[in-house]
Amino acid sequence: MTNDAVPDLAGLCADLAEELDEVVGSADGDSVAYARGGSVFARVTGSALEVRLPADIAEAAMRTADTAAGGEPGWIRFTPTDSERYVIDRAAAWFETAARHAAAK
């Protein structure tokens, strides 16, 4: 079952950042970058979420609908076109994974 509304990725990431230790968001125009330990791991712009993931996870994520390579190695860009059942789950998991791995650097 799908819902044609595009999910609120900005709101989701803001909520997740509040729950995670040491994650800081900083706005730059219509974009918000999230960092942990000084390392940027995610950006939200409009209805797109970009995250930096470990290579194996990024490779698997690329096989997901509405996902493409980001501009830098290890980064993926997720631009869901609707709110199908698992869109929020994927976005949250990728954001949390990226935050966890940013702390390890």
Protein backbone atom coordinates (compact mmCIF):
# COMPACT_ATOMS: atom_id res chain seq x y z
CA MET A 1 0.00 0.00 0.00
CA THR A 2 1.37 3.42 -0.88
CA ASN A 3 0.60 6.95 0.08
CA ASP A 4 1.30 9.50 -2.64
CA ALA A 5 2.54 12.13 -0.20
CA VAL A 6 6.30 12.56 -0.11
CA PRO A 7 7.64 11.90 3.40
CA ASP A 8 9.01 14.73 5.53
CA LEU A 9 12.68 13.78 5.52
CA ALA A 10 13.74 17.08 7.08
CA GLY A 11 11.45 16.52 10.06
CA LEU A 12 12.51 12.90 10.40
CA CYS A 13 16.22 13.79 10.44
CA ALA A 14 15.69 16.66 12.90
CA ASP A 15 13.87 14.28 15.26
CA LEU A 16 16.55 11.59 14.91
CA ALA A 17 19.35 14.11 15.50
CA GLU A 18 17.77 15.09 18.82
CA GLU A 19 17.77 11.44 19.91
CA LEU A 20 21.38 10.69 18.92
CA ASP A 21 24.38 11.65 21.02
CA GLU A 22 26.72 14.32 19.69
CA VAL A 23 24.78 14.91 16.45
CA VAL A 24 24.62 18.55 15.41
CA GLY A 25 22.58 20.00 12.57
CA SER A 26 23.47 23.26 10.84
CA ALA A 27 21.30 25.04 8.29
CA ASP A 28 22.73 26.54 5.13
CA GLY A 29 19.98 28.07 3.04
CA ASP A 30 17.42 25.36 2.28
CA SER A 31 19.81 22.59 3.30
CA VAL A 32 20.64 21.12 6.71
CA ALA A 33 23.92 19.26 7.25
CA TYR A 34 24.30 16.82 10.14
CA ALA A 35 27.66 16.09 11.73
CA ARG A 36 29.04 13.99 14.54
CA GLY A 37 32.51 14.56 15.90
CA GLY A 38 33.05 17.24 13.26
CA SER A 39 32.37 14.80 10.40
CA VAL A 40 29.38 15.59 8.16
CA PHE A 41 27.43 12.40 7.53
CA ALA A 42 24.07 13.60 6.16
CA ARG A 43 22.44 16.45 4.29
CA VAL A 44 18.75 17.14 3.78
CA THR A 45 17.64 19.46 1.00
CA GLY A 46 13.96 19.66 0.15
CA SER A 47 12.71 16.12 -0.37
CA ALA A 48 16.19 14.58 -0.72
CA LEU A 49 18.38 12.92 1.89
CA GLU A 50 22.07 12.35 1.25
CA VAL A 51 24.04 10.13 3.63
CA ARG A 52 27.62 8.85 3.78
CA LEU A 53 27.59 5.11 4.39
CA PRO A 54 30.23 2.38 4.54
CA ALA A 55 30.92 1.06 1.03
CA ASP A 56 29.10 -2.27 1.44
CA ILE A 57 25.96 -0.62 2.83
CA ALA A 58 26.02 2.11 0.18
CA GLU A 59 26.30 -0.54 -2.53
CA ALA A 60 23.25 -2.39 -1.18
CA ALA A 61 21.33 0.87 -0.77
CA MET A 62 21.91 1.69 -4.43
CA ARG A 63 19.65 -1.24 -5.35
CA THR A 64 16.74 0.49 -3.60
CA ALA A 65 14.12 2.50 -5.49
CA ASP A 66 14.60 6.28 -5.58
CA THR A 67 18.28 5.96 -4.59
CA ALA A 68 21.29 7.15 -6.59
CA ALA A 69 24.98 7.75 -6.06
CA GLY A 70 25.80 10.99 -4.28
CA GLY A 71 28.43 13.41 -5.49
CA GLU A 72 31.19 11.92 -3.35
CA PRO A 73 32.39 8.33 -2.76
CA GLY A 74 30.27 6.52 -0.17
CA TRP A 75 27.44 9.04 -0.40
CA ILE A 76 23.98 8.05 -1.60
CA ARG A 77 21.06 10.31 -2.48
CA PHE A 78 17.55 9.19 -1.53
CA THR A 79 14.67 11.07 -3.14
CA PRO A 80 11.49 9.11 -2.43
CA THR A 81 8.58 9.91 -4.71
CA ASP A 82 5.91 8.63 -2.33
CA SER A 83 5.45 7.26 1.17
CA GLU A 84 5.44 3.57 0.37
CA ARG A 85 5.50 1.41 3.44
CA TYR A 86 9.25 1.32 4.19
CA VAL A 87 10.49 4.73 3.02
CA ILE A 88 10.71 6.22 6.52
CA ASP A 89 12.30 3.03 7.89
CA ARG A 90 15.04 3.10 5.22
CA ALA A 91 15.72 6.81 5.67
CA ALA A 92 15.94 6.44 9.46
CA ALA A 93 18.19 3.38 9.26
CA TRP A 94 20.56 5.05 6.79
CA PHE A 95 20.69 8.27 8.86
CA GLU A 96 21.43 6.35 12.08
CA THR A 97 24.02 4.13 10.36
CA ALA A 98 25.75 7.16 8.87
CA ALA A 99 25.82 8.87 12.28
CA ARG A 100 27.23 5.78 13.97
CA HIS A 101 30.00 5.43 11.38
CA ALA A 102 30.81 9.16 11.48
CA ALA A 103 31.56 8.79 15.19
CA ALA A 104 34.01 5.95 14.45
CA LYS A 105 36.17 8.11 12.19
